[in-house]
Amino acid sequence: MLSFKILSDTVNNNNKQKLNFNINDNTDLIEDMNNIINKNIPIYNDKHNTLSTPTSYENIRFDDNHLDIKMEDESLSFIDTNNNNNLGSLNIDDIIDIINYEINMTDPANEKQKQKKYIFNNLIGNFKYNNDLLHTDFLPIDYKKSIFMKNLEALMFLNNNLHQFQKYEKIKKFDSDEYNFKKLSNTFDKFIHIILLKTLELINVISKKLKDNPNNRELKQILVKYTIGIVYRISQYVQKYSDKMIHKINNIDKEENKLNSIKVLVGGKMDKLTSKMNRQNSILKKYYKLFKNKY
């Protein structure tokens, strides 16, 4: 087992923060391009005594020096080690709910849901409806301002869960009308894409700080392999987005062709109508002259 500290020596430079990034070097990390990023990564999991919970989500405070991130099954749990508080947890279903709040312009229904949204907004980012473009954007928190966004291990864990959720199309279990489901699916895809980009950004920061250290050769190789997987998945998103845009453009072309056909048809009818009106005007003028000469 290869074990090394990644954040305390690179991004955070905080000796009190002891998140270990462990990777099993006996497992092939690059079986194929699709599986690189889906790797089950051994995680930091400290043991805590019986934990209390804050009386209200509004009382939650995030202290980088006393915040542990536990990664178990499909959930992220946030522990305030100073006060021995379980601040709450997040999984992919919770993130889908948070997206739906913004799409449907509703508020969380209860204290627990409010707590999850509060944690997400303060550690990961915010979903915000864009009135100009008529879609929902995801605005991530910069890694310098969030202990979660500068924790590579936590981001890799989230990426893996997001991919599994997407791979097995679990989003389909969220019943919704076709229009809202399309908005939900598109927003979720954008969220995955942005989290991948932020992971890539963090790897770049770490790699620069490891650049001149010959003792980190194995870590560098792992980061390179993981980067390849991220770039591959980003390219899949770009390809999917491009296909959607091409489809829209093709539909616009089809509609334009229909409009041109209608224009030609209407133009022909207008020409016939104009010709009829000219003949009628000619006849009226003739009768008008006869009537005028007679009287």
C-alpha atoms as a PDB file:
ATOM      1  CA  MET A   1       0.000   0.000   0.000  1.00  0.00           C
ATOM      2  CA  LEU A   2       1.365   3.358  -1.042  1.00  0.00           C
ATOM      3  CA  SER A   3       0.402   6.084   1.431  1.00  0.00           C
ATOM      4  CA  PHE A   4       1.281   9.767   1.401  1.00  0.00           C
ATOM      5  CA  LYS A   5      -0.029  13.126   2.559  1.00  0.00           C
ATOM      6  CA  ILE A   6      -1.149  15.246  -0.354  1.00  0.00           C
ATOM      7  CA  LEU A   7      -2.799  18.419   0.874  1.00  0.00           C
ATOM      8  CA  SER A   8      -0.714  19.319   3.888  1.00  0.00           C
ATOM      9  CA  ASP A   9       2.452  19.317   1.780  1.00  0.00           C
ATOM     10  CA  THR A  10       1.053  20.869  -1.363  1.00  0.00           C
ATOM     11  CA  VAL A  11      -2.181  22.834  -1.495  1.00  0.00           C
ATOM     12  CA  ASN A  12      -2.938  23.629   2.118  1.00  0.00           C
ATOM     13  CA  ASN A  13       0.491  23.607   3.790  1.00  0.00           C
ATOM     14  CA  ASN A  14      -1.358  23.016   7.047  1.00  0.00           C
ATOM     15  CA  ASN A  15       0.279  20.600   9.469  1.00  0.00           C
ATOM     16  CA  LYS A  16      -2.922  20.188  11.425  1.00  0.00           C
ATOM     17  CA  GLN A  17      -4.760  18.843   8.400  1.00  0.00           C
ATOM     18  CA  LYS A  18      -3.889  15.139   8.093  1.00  0.00           C
ATOM     19  CA  LEU A  19      -5.919  13.808   5.234  1.00  0.00           C
ATOM     20  CA  ASN A  20      -4.113  10.801   3.763  1.00  0.00           C
ATOM     21  CA  PHE A  21      -4.419   9.995   0.096  1.00  0.00           C
ATOM     22  CA  ASN A  22      -4.014   6.231  -0.214  1.00  0.00           C
ATOM     23  CA  ILE A  23      -3.860   4.249  -3.442  1.00  0.00           C
ATOM     24  CA  ASN A  24      -3.452   0.521  -3.774  1.00  0.00           C
ATOM     25  CA  ASP A  25      -0.486   0.189  -6.121  1.00  0.00           C
ATOM     26  CA  ASN A  26      -1.217  -3.514  -6.697  1.00  0.00           C
ATOM     27  CA  THR A  27      -4.292  -2.610  -8.724  1.00  0.00           C
ATOM     28  CA  ASP A  28      -4.054  -1.519 -12.346  1.00  0.00           C
ATOM     29  CA  LEU A  29      -5.196   2.118 -12.370  1.00  0.00           C
ATOM     30  CA  ILE A  30      -5.511   2.302 -16.117  1.00  0.00           C
ATOM     31  CA  GLU A  31      -7.417  -0.821 -17.218  1.00  0.00           C
ATOM     32  CA  ASP A  32      -9.042   1.206 -19.947  1.00  0.00           C
ATOM     33  CA  MET A  33      -9.957   4.813 -20.588  1.00  0.00           C
ATOM     34  CA  ASN A  34     -13.456   4.382 -19.226  1.00  0.00           C
ATOM     35  CA  ASN A  35     -12.391   2.794 -15.942  1.00  0.00           C
ATOM     36  CA  ILE A  36      -9.529   5.046 -14.874  1.00  0.00           C
ATOM     37  CA  ILE A  37     -11.754   7.596 -13.217  1.00  0.00           C
ATOM     38  CA  ASN A  38     -14.122   5.012 -11.714  1.00  0.00           C
ATOM     39  CA  LYS A  39     -11.432   3.492  -9.533  1.00  0.00           C
ATOM     40  CA  ASN A  40     -12.494   2.678  -5.994  1.00  0.00           C
ATOM     41  CA  ILE A  41      -9.961   4.688  -4.039  1.00  0.00           C
ATOM     42  CA  PRO A  42      -9.121   3.712  -0.459  1.00  0.00           C
ATOM     43  CA  ILE A  43     -10.125   6.629   1.704  1.00  0.00           C
ATOM     44  CA  TYR A  44      -9.255   8.435   4.863  1.00  0.00           C
ATOM     45  CA  ASN A  45     -11.700   7.344   7.527  1.00  0.00           C
ATOM     46  CA  ASP A  46     -10.929   8.441  11.064  1.00  0.00           C
ATOM     47  CA  LYS A  47     -12.792   6.912  13.975  1.00  0.00           C
ATOM     48  CA  HIS A  48     -14.913   9.249  16.042  1.00  0.00           C
ATOM     49  CA  ASN A  49     -16.742   8.789  19.287  1.00  0.00           C
ATOM     50  CA  THR A  50     -20.477   9.354  19.542  1.00  0.00           C
ATOM     51  CA  LEU A  51     -21.201  12.535  17.607  1.00  0.00           C
ATOM     52  CA  SER A  52     -23.709  15.254  18.379  1.00  0.00           C
ATOM     53  CA  THR A  53     -25.492  17.309  15.732  1.00  0.00           C
ATOM     54  CA  PRO A  54     -26.012  21.092  15.546  1.00  0.00           C
ATOM     55  CA  THR A  55     -29.440  22.273  16.668  1.00  0.00           C
ATOM     56  CA  SER A  56     -29.847  24.187  13.394  1.00  0.00           C
ATOM     57  CA  TYR A  57     -28.035  24.293  10.070  1.00  0.00           C
ATOM     58  CA  GLU A  58     -27.617  28.042  10.657  1.00  0.00           C
ATOM     59  CA  ASN A  59     -25.286  27.202  13.575  1.00  0.00           C
ATOM     60  CA  ILE A  60     -22.879  25.266  11.338  1.00  0.00           C
ATOM     61  CA  ARG A  61     -19.431  26.796  10.978  1.00  0.00           C
ATOM     62  CA  PHE A  62     -16.739  25.324   8.728  1.00  0.00           C
ATOM     63  CA  ASP A  63     -13.265  25.481  10.283  1.00  0.00           C
ATOM     64  CA  ASP A  64     -10.580  24.066   7.970  1.00  0.00           C
ATOM     65  CA  ASN A  65      -8.407  23.150  10.953  1.00  0.00           C
ATOM     66  CA  HIS A  66     -11.124  21.047  12.577  1.00  0.00           C
ATOM     67  CA  LEU A  67     -13.113  19.595   9.694  1.00  0.00           C
ATOM     68  CA  ASP A  68     -12.807  15.957   8.678  1.00  0.00           C
ATOM     69  CA  ILE A  69     -14.404  14.583   5.530  1.00  0.00           C
ATOM     70  CA  LYS A  70     -15.487  10.954   5.843  1.00  0.00           C
ATOM     71  CA  MET A  71     -16.174   9.001   2.660  1.00  0.00           C
ATOM     72  CA  GLU A  72     -18.269   5.891   3.150  1.00  0.00           C
ATOM     73  CA  ASP A  73     -20.279   3.948   0.556  1.00  0.00           C
ATOM     74  CA  GLU A  74     -21.850   6.712  -1.554  1.00  0.00           C
ATOM     75  CA  SER A  75     -21.901   9.503   1.027  1.00  0.00           C
ATOM     76  CA  LEU A  76     -19.665  12.339   2.144  1.00  0.00           C
ATOM     77  CA  SER A  77     -19.920  13.165   5.853  1.00  0.00           C
ATOM     78  CA  PHE A  78     -18.536  16.324   7.433  1.00  0.00           C
ATOM     79  CA  ILE A  79     -17.241  16.145  11.013  1.00  0.00           C
ATOM     80  CA  ASP A  80     -16.380  19.087  13.250  1.00  0.00           C
ATOM     81  CA  THR A  81     -13.602  17.471  15.309  1.00  0.00           C
ATOM     82  CA  ASN A  82     -13.317  20.476  17.628  1.00  0.00           C
ATOM     83  CA  ASN A  83     -16.895  20.177  18.910  1.00  0.00           C
ATOM     84  CA  ASN A  84     -17.344  16.490  18.038  1.00  0.00           C
ATOM     85  CA  ASN A  85     -20.289  17.412  15.778  1.00  0.00           C
ATOM     86  CA  ASN A  86     -21.615  15.562  12.770  1.00  0.00           C
ATOM     87  CA  LEU A  87     -22.393  18.557  10.556  1.00  0.00           C
ATOM     88  CA  GLY A  88     -24.270  16.463   8.006  1.00  0.00           C
ATOM     89  CA  SER A  89     -23.757  14.392   4.876  1.00  0.00           C
ATOM     90  CA  LEU A  90     -24.252  14.569   1.114  1.00  0.00           C
ATOM     91  CA  ASN A  91     -24.811  11.982  -1.588  1.00  0.00           C
ATOM     92  CA  ILE A  92     -25.720  12.248  -5.263  1.00  0.00           C
ATOM     93  CA  ASP A  93     -29.472  12.064  -4.577  1.00  0.00           C
ATOM     94  CA  ASP A  94     -29.082  15.113  -2.334  1.00  0.00           C
ATOM     95  CA  ILE A  95     -27.298  16.999  -5.128  1.00  0.00           C
ATOM     96  CA  ILE A  96     -30.134  16.125  -7.536  1.00  0.00           C
ATOM     97  CA  ASP A  97     -32.616  17.517  -4.993  1.00  0.00           C
ATOM     98  CA  ILE A  98     -30.573  20.729  -4.716  1.00  0.00           C
ATOM     99  CA  ILE A  99     -30.618  21.108  -8.526  1.00  0.00           C
ATOM    100  CA  ASN A 100     -34.387  20.597  -8.520  1.00  0.00           C
ATOM    101  CA  TYR A 101     -34.850  23.340  -5.909  1.00  0.00           C
ATOM    102  CA  GLU A 102     -33.296  25.820  -8.327  1.00  0.00           C
ATOM    103  CA  ILE A 103     -35.051  24.502 -11.443  1.00  0.00           C
ATOM    104  CA  ASN A 104     -38.471  24.533  -9.761  1.00  0.00           C
ATOM    105  CA  MET A 105     -37.689  27.711  -7.784  1.00  0.00           C
ATOM    106  CA  THR A 106     -38.646  26.040  -4.508  1.00  0.00           C
ATOM    107  CA  ASP A 107     -37.069  25.878  -1.049  1.00  0.00           C
ATOM    108  CA  PRO A 108     -36.043  22.729   0.861  1.00  0.00           C
ATOM    109  CA  ALA A 109     -39.054  21.238   2.627  1.00  0.00           C
ATOM    110  CA  ASN A 110     -37.495  20.515   6.024  1.00  0.00           C
ATOM    111  CA  GLU A 111     -34.541  21.248   8.303  1.00  0.00           C
ATOM    112  CA  LYS A 112     -32.517  18.248   7.119  1.00  0.00           C
ATOM    113  CA  GLN A 113     -32.828  19.264   3.457  1.00  0.00           C
ATOM    114  CA  LYS A 114     -31.948  22.870   4.344  1.00  0.00           C
ATOM    115  CA  GLN A 115     -28.861  21.573   6.158  1.00  0.00           C
ATOM    116  CA  LYS A 116     -27.710  19.601   3.090  1.00  0.00           C
ATOM    117  CA  LYS A 117     -28.210  22.575   0.783  1.00  0.00           C
ATOM    118  CA  TYR A 118     -26.321  24.811   3.234  1.00  0.00           C
ATOM    119  CA  ILE A 119     -23.374  22.379   3.329  1.00  0.00           C
ATOM    120  CA  PHE A 120     -23.332  22.086  -0.465  1.00  0.00           C
ATOM    121  CA  ASN A 121     -23.476  25.852  -0.983  1.00  0.00           C
ATOM    122  CA  ASN A 122     -20.679  26.519   1.519  1.00  0.00           C
ATOM    123  CA  LEU A 123     -18.284  23.734   0.536  1.00  0.00           C
ATOM    124  CA  ILE A 124     -18.928  22.905  -3.133  1.00  0.00           C
ATOM    125  CA  GLY A 125     -20.862  25.641  -4.927  1.00  0.00           C
ATOM    126  CA  ASN A 126     -24.218  27.085  -5.941  1.00  0.00           C
ATOM    127  CA  PHE A 127     -26.765  26.460  -8.660  1.00  0.00           C
ATOM    128  CA  LYS A 128     -28.197  29.672 -10.066  1.00  0.00           C
ATOM    129  CA  TYR A 129     -30.768  30.265 -12.769  1.00  0.00           C
ATOM    130  CA  ASN A 130     -29.431  32.342 -15.661  1.00  0.00           C
ATOM    131  CA  ASN A 131     -32.241  34.646 -16.792  1.00  0.00           C
ATOM    132  CA  ASP A 132     -30.403  35.703 -19.948  1.00  0.00           C
ATOM    133  CA  LEU A 133     -29.620  32.205 -21.229  1.00  0.00           C
ATOM    134  CA  LEU A 134     -32.686  30.558 -19.631  1.00  0.00           C
ATOM    135  CA  HIS A 135     -30.818  27.701 -17.980  1.00  0.00           C
ATOM    136  CA  THR A 136     -29.324  26.799 -14.590  1.00  0.00           C
ATOM    137  CA  ASP A 137     -25.598  27.393 -14.068  1.00  0.00           C
ATOM    138  CA  PHE A 138     -23.332  25.769 -11.493  1.00  0.00           C
ATOM    139  CA  LEU A 139     -20.930  28.187  -9.794  1.00  0.00           C
ATOM    140  CA  PRO A 140     -18.166  26.238  -7.974  1.00  0.00           C
ATOM    141  CA  ILE A 141     -16.275  27.567  -4.970  1.00  0.00           C
ATOM    142  CA  ASP A 142     -12.584  28.208  -5.607  1.00  0.00           C
ATOM    143  CA  TYR A 143     -10.279  25.638  -4.020  1.00  0.00           C
ATOM    144  CA  LYS A 144      -8.587  28.403  -2.015  1.00  0.00           C
ATOM    145  CA  LYS A 145     -11.869  29.103  -0.223  1.00  0.00           C
ATOM    146  CA  SER A 146     -13.144  25.592   0.487  1.00  0.00           C
ATOM    147  CA  ILE A 147     -11.557  22.683   2.327  1.00  0.00           C
ATOM    148  CA  PHE A 148     -13.607  20.313   0.178  1.00  0.00           C
ATOM    149  CA  MET A 149     -12.616  21.807  -3.175  1.00  0.00           C
ATOM    150  CA  LYS A 150      -8.910  21.581  -2.262  1.00  0.00           C
ATOM    151  CA  ASN A 151      -9.202  17.972  -1.094  1.00  0.00           C
ATOM    152  CA  LEU A 152      -8.197  15.845  -4.095  1.00  0.00           C
ATOM    153  CA  GLU A 153      -9.214  12.645  -2.371  1.00  0.00           C
ATOM    154  CA  ALA A 154     -12.738  13.958  -1.734  1.00  0.00           C
ATOM    155  CA  LEU A 155     -13.078  15.238  -5.308  1.00  0.00           C
ATOM    156  CA  MET A 156     -11.981  11.860  -6.697  1.00  0.00           C
ATOM    157  CA  PHE A 157     -14.522  10.126  -4.463  1.00  0.00           C
ATOM    158  CA  LEU A 158     -17.246  12.504  -5.685  1.00  0.00           C
ATOM    159  CA  ASN A 159     -16.202  11.994  -9.320  1.00  0.00           C
ATOM    160  CA  ASN A 160     -16.426   8.231  -8.921  1.00  0.00           C
ATOM    161  CA  ASN A 161     -19.925   8.408  -7.397  1.00  0.00           C
ATOM    162  CA  LEU A 162     -21.091  10.859 -10.045  1.00  0.00           C
ATOM    163  CA  HIS A 163     -19.851   8.545 -12.780  1.00  0.00           C
ATOM    164  CA  GLN A 164     -21.547   5.482 -11.275  1.00  0.00           C
ATOM    165  CA  PHE A 165     -24.771   7.452 -10.921  1.00  0.00           C
ATOM    166  CA  GLN A 166     -24.538   8.538 -14.553  1.00  0.00           C
ATOM    167  CA  LYS A 167     -23.403   5.133 -15.850  1.00  0.00           C
ATOM    168  CA  TYR A 168     -26.439   3.335 -14.425  1.00  0.00           C
ATOM    169  CA  GLU A 169     -28.783   6.196 -15.376  1.00  0.00           C
ATOM    170  CA  LYS A 170     -30.046   6.532 -11.804  1.00  0.00           C
ATOM    171  CA  ILE A 171     -31.285  10.017 -12.641  1.00  0.00           C
ATOM    172  CA  LYS A 172     -34.271   8.360 -14.342  1.00  0.00           C
ATOM    173  CA  LYS A 173     -35.726   7.453 -10.947  1.00  0.00           C
ATOM    174  CA  PHE A 174     -36.456  11.133 -10.350  1.00  0.00           C
ATOM    175  CA  ASP A 175     -39.933  11.325 -11.834  1.00  0.00           C
ATOM    176  CA  SER A 176     -40.653  14.603 -13.542  1.00  0.00           C
ATOM    177  CA  ASP A 177     -42.360  15.947 -16.616  1.00  0.00           C
ATOM    178  CA  GLU A 178     -40.308  15.699 -19.797  1.00  0.00           C
ATOM    179  CA  TYR A 179     -39.446  19.410 -19.907  1.00  0.00           C
ATOM    180  CA  ASN A 180     -38.180  19.604 -16.309  1.00  0.00           C
ATOM    181  CA  PHE A 181     -36.369  16.276 -16.574  1.00  0.00           C
ATOM    182  CA  LYS A 182     -34.458  17.573 -19.585  1.00  0.00           C
ATOM    183  CA  LYS A 183     -33.415  20.658 -17.606  1.00  0.00           C
ATOM    184  CA  LEU A 184     -32.428  18.474 -14.644  1.00  0.00           C
ATOM    185  CA  SER A 185     -30.373  16.112 -16.812  1.00  0.00           C
ATOM    186  CA  ASN A 186     -28.580  18.956 -18.634  1.00  0.00           C
ATOM    187  CA  THR A 187     -27.765  20.757 -15.366  1.00  0.00           C
ATOM    188  CA  PHE A 188     -26.490  17.541 -13.786  1.00  0.00           C
ATOM    189  CA  ASP A 189     -24.220  16.900 -16.801  1.00  0.00           C
ATOM    190  CA  LYS A 190     -22.836  20.445 -16.543  1.00  0.00           C
ATOM    191  CA  PHE A 191     -22.206  19.947 -12.822  1.00  0.00           C
ATOM    192  CA  ILE A 192     -20.220  16.745 -13.511  1.00  0.00           C
ATOM    193  CA  HIS A 193     -18.244  18.536 -16.215  1.00  0.00           C
ATOM    194  CA  ILE A 194     -17.339  21.463 -13.949  1.00  0.00           C
ATOM    195  CA  ILE A 195     -16.325  19.193 -11.035  1.00  0.00           C
ATOM    196  CA  LEU A 196     -14.012  17.333 -13.438  1.00  0.00           C
ATOM    197  CA  LEU A 197     -12.501  20.652 -14.543  1.00  0.00           C
ATOM    198  CA  LYS A 198     -11.981  21.734 -10.919  1.00  0.00           C
ATOM    199  CA  THR A 199     -10.330  18.382 -10.161  1.00  0.00           C
ATOM    200  CA  LEU A 200      -8.029  18.888 -13.130  1.00  0.00           C
ATOM    201  CA  GLU A 201      -7.204  22.387 -11.873  1.00  0.00           C
ATOM    202  CA  LEU A 202      -6.302  21.024  -8.434  1.00  0.00           C
ATOM    203  CA  ILE A 203      -4.107  18.275  -9.910  1.00  0.00           C
ATOM    204  CA  ASN A 204      -2.299  20.950 -11.898  1.00  0.00           C
ATOM    205  CA  VAL A 205      -1.638  22.967  -8.728  1.00  0.00           C
ATOM    206  CA  ILE A 206      -0.382  19.892  -6.873  1.00  0.00           C
ATOM    207  CA  SER A 207       1.765  18.749  -9.808  1.00  0.00           C
ATOM    208  CA  LYS A 208       3.539  22.105  -9.976  1.00  0.00           C
ATOM    209  CA  LYS A 209       4.402  21.884  -6.285  1.00  0.00           C
ATOM    210  CA  LEU A 210       5.679  18.323  -6.710  1.00  0.00           C
ATOM    211  CA  LYS A 211       7.580  19.119  -9.880  1.00  0.00           C
ATOM    212  CA  ASP A 212      11.097  19.375  -8.463  1.00  0.00           C
ATOM    213  CA  ASN A 213      10.752  16.661  -5.825  1.00  0.00           C
ATOM    214  CA  PRO A 214      12.279  13.367  -7.057  1.00  0.00           C
ATOM    215  CA  ASN A 215      10.737  11.444  -4.141  1.00  0.00           C
ATOM    216  CA  ASN A 216       7.234  11.877  -5.578  1.00  0.00           C
ATOM    217  CA  ARG A 217       7.724   9.945  -8.806  1.00  0.00           C
ATOM    218  CA  GLU A 218       5.007   7.373  -8.055  1.00  0.00           C
ATOM    219  CA  LEU A 219       2.537  10.062  -7.033  1.00  0.00           C
ATOM    220  CA  LYS A 220       3.271  11.990 -10.229  1.00  0.00           C
ATOM    221  CA  GLN A 221       2.587   8.879 -12.315  1.00  0.00           C
ATOM    222  CA  ILE A 222      -0.725   8.301 -10.541  1.00  0.00           C
ATOM    223  CA  LEU A 223      -1.747  11.927 -11.079  1.00  0.00           C
ATOM    224  CA  VAL A 224      -0.837  11.698 -14.768  1.00  0.00           C
ATOM    225  CA  LYS A 225      -2.942   8.538 -15.199  1.00  0.00           C
ATOM    226  CA  TYR A 226      -5.871  10.072 -13.363  1.00  0.00           C
ATOM    227  CA  THR A 227      -5.526  13.234 -15.466  1.00  0.00           C
ATOM    228  CA  ILE A 228      -5.808  11.127 -18.621  1.00  0.00           C
ATOM    229  CA  GLY A 229      -9.061   9.691 -17.309  1.00  0.00           C
ATOM    230  CA  ILE A 230     -10.442  13.131 -16.469  1.00  0.00           C
ATOM    231  CA  VAL A 231      -9.504  14.545 -19.871  1.00  0.00           C
ATOM    232  CA  TYR A 232     -11.193  11.571 -21.535  1.00  0.00           C
ATOM    233  CA  ARG A 233     -14.434  12.131 -19.620  1.00  0.00           C
ATOM    234  CA  ILE A 234     -14.328  15.866 -20.313  1.00  0.00           C
ATOM    235  CA  SER A 235     -13.931  15.068 -24.018  1.00  0.00           C
ATOM    236  CA  GLN A 236     -16.994  12.791 -23.777  1.00  0.00           C
ATOM    237  CA  TYR A 237     -19.015  15.672 -22.336  1.00  0.00           C
ATOM    238  CA  VAL A 238     -17.763  18.061 -25.040  1.00  0.00           C
ATOM    239  CA  GLN A 239     -18.648  15.498 -27.725  1.00  0.00           C
ATOM    240  CA  LYS A 240     -22.107  15.000 -26.225  1.00  0.00           C
ATOM    241  CA  TYR A 241     -22.645  18.754 -26.021  1.00  0.00           C
ATOM    242  CA  SER A 242     -21.393  19.203 -29.593  1.00  0.00           C
ATOM    243  CA  ASP A 243     -23.781  16.504 -30.826  1.00  0.00           C
ATOM    244  CA  LYS A 244     -26.661  18.323 -29.121  1.00  0.00           C
ATOM    245  CA  MET A 245     -25.639  21.610 -30.733  1.00  0.00           C
ATOM    246  CA  ILE A 246     -25.332  19.962 -34.169  1.00  0.00           C
ATOM    247  CA  HIS A 247     -28.772  18.420 -33.684  1.00  0.00           C
ATOM    248  CA  LYS A 248     -30.208  21.829 -32.779  1.00  0.00           C
ATOM    249  CA  ILE A 249     -28.530  23.438 -35.784  1.00  0.00           C
ATOM    250  CA  ASN A 250     -29.910  20.702 -38.056  1.00  0.00           C
ATOM    251  CA  ASN A 251     -33.379  21.289 -36.620  1.00  0.00           C
ATOM    252  CA  ILE A 252     -32.992  25.020 -37.205  1.00  0.00           C
ATOM    253  CA  ASP A 253     -31.965  24.293 -40.815  1.00  0.00           C
ATOM    254  CA  LYS A 254     -35.019  22.071 -41.239  1.00  0.00           C
ATOM    255  CA  GLU A 255     -37.279  24.758 -39.800  1.00  0.00           C
ATOM    256  CA  GLU A 256     -35.632  27.349 -42.045  1.00  0.00           C
ATOM    257  CA  ASN A 257     -36.250  25.134 -45.080  1.00  0.00           C
ATOM    258  CA  LYS A 258     -39.889  24.762 -44.019  1.00  0.00           C
ATOM    259  CA  LEU A 259     -40.188  28.510 -43.618  1.00  0.00           C
ATOM    260  CA  ASN A 260     -38.625  29.047 -47.044  1.00  0.00           C
ATOM    261  CA  SER A 261     -41.118  26.581 -48.552  1.00  0.00           C
ATOM    262  CA  ILE A 262     -43.975  28.386 -46.859  1.00  0.00           C
ATOM    263  CA  LYS A 263     -42.542  31.701 -48.019  1.00  0.00           C
ATOM    264  CA  VAL A 264     -42.438  30.460 -51.636  1.00  0.00           C
ATOM    265  CA  LEU A 265     -45.987  29.082 -51.323  1.00  0.00           C
ATOM    266  CA  VAL A 266     -47.322  32.266 -49.746  1.00  0.00           C
ATOM    267  CA  GLY A 267     -45.366  34.340 -52.260  1.00  0.00           C
ATOM    268  CA  GLY A 268     -46.984  32.439 -55.143  1.00  0.00           C
ATOM    269  CA  LYS A 269     -50.430  32.929 -53.658  1.00  0.00           C
ATOM    270  CA  MET A 270     -49.705  36.611 -53.089  1.00  0.00           C
ATOM    271  CA  ASP A 271     -48.638  36.957 -56.731  1.00  0.00           C
ATOM    272  CA  LYS A 272     -51.904  35.349 -57.868  1.00  0.00           C
ATOM    273  CA  LEU A 273     -53.876  37.555 -55.491  1.00  0.00           C
ATOM    274  CA  THR A 274     -52.027  40.671 -56.727  1.00  0.00           C
ATOM    275  CA  SER A 275     -52.734  39.657 -60.344  1.00  0.00           C
ATOM    276  CA  LYS A 276     -56.445  39.216 -59.552  1.00  0.00           C
ATOM    277  CA  MET A 277     -56.600  42.562 -57.808  1.00  0.00           C
ATOM    278  CA  ASN A 278     -54.891  44.253 -60.779  1.00  0.00           C
ATOM    279  CA  ARG A 279     -57.446  42.724 -63.168  1.00  0.00           C
ATOM    280  CA  GLN A 280     -60.282  43.834 -60.923  1.00  0.00           C
ATOM    281  CA  ASN A 281     -58.819  47.347 -60.710  1.00  0.00           C
ATOM    282  CA  SER A 282     -58.533  47.433 -64.525  1.00  0.00           C
ATOM    283  CA  ILE A 283     -62.188  46.409 -64.873  1.00  0.00           C
ATOM    284  CA  LEU A 284     -63.296  48.937 -62.274  1.00  0.00           C
ATOM    285  CA  LYS A 285     -61.395  51.689 -64.063  1.00  0.00           C
ATOM    286  CA  LYS A 286     -63.062  50.734 -67.356  1.00  0.00           C
ATOM    287  CA  TYR A 287     -66.539  50.853 -65.818  1.00  0.00           C
ATOM    288  CA  TYR A 288     -65.686  54.080 -64.043  1.00  0.00           C
ATOM    289  CA  LYS A 289     -64.752  55.718 -67.372  1.00  0.00           C
ATOM    290  CA  LEU A 290     -67.957  54.451 -69.042  1.00  0.00           C
ATOM    291  CA  PHE A 291     -70.030  55.682 -66.133  1.00  0.00           C
ATOM    292  CA  LYS A 292     -68.287  59.078 -66.156  1.00  0.00           C
ATOM    293  CA  ASN A 293     -68.709  59.591 -69.936  1.00  0.00           C
ATOM    294  CA  LYS A 294     -72.376  58.590 -69.758  1.00  0.00           C
ATOM    295  CA  TYR A 295     -73.255  60.982 -66.954  1.00  0.00           C
END
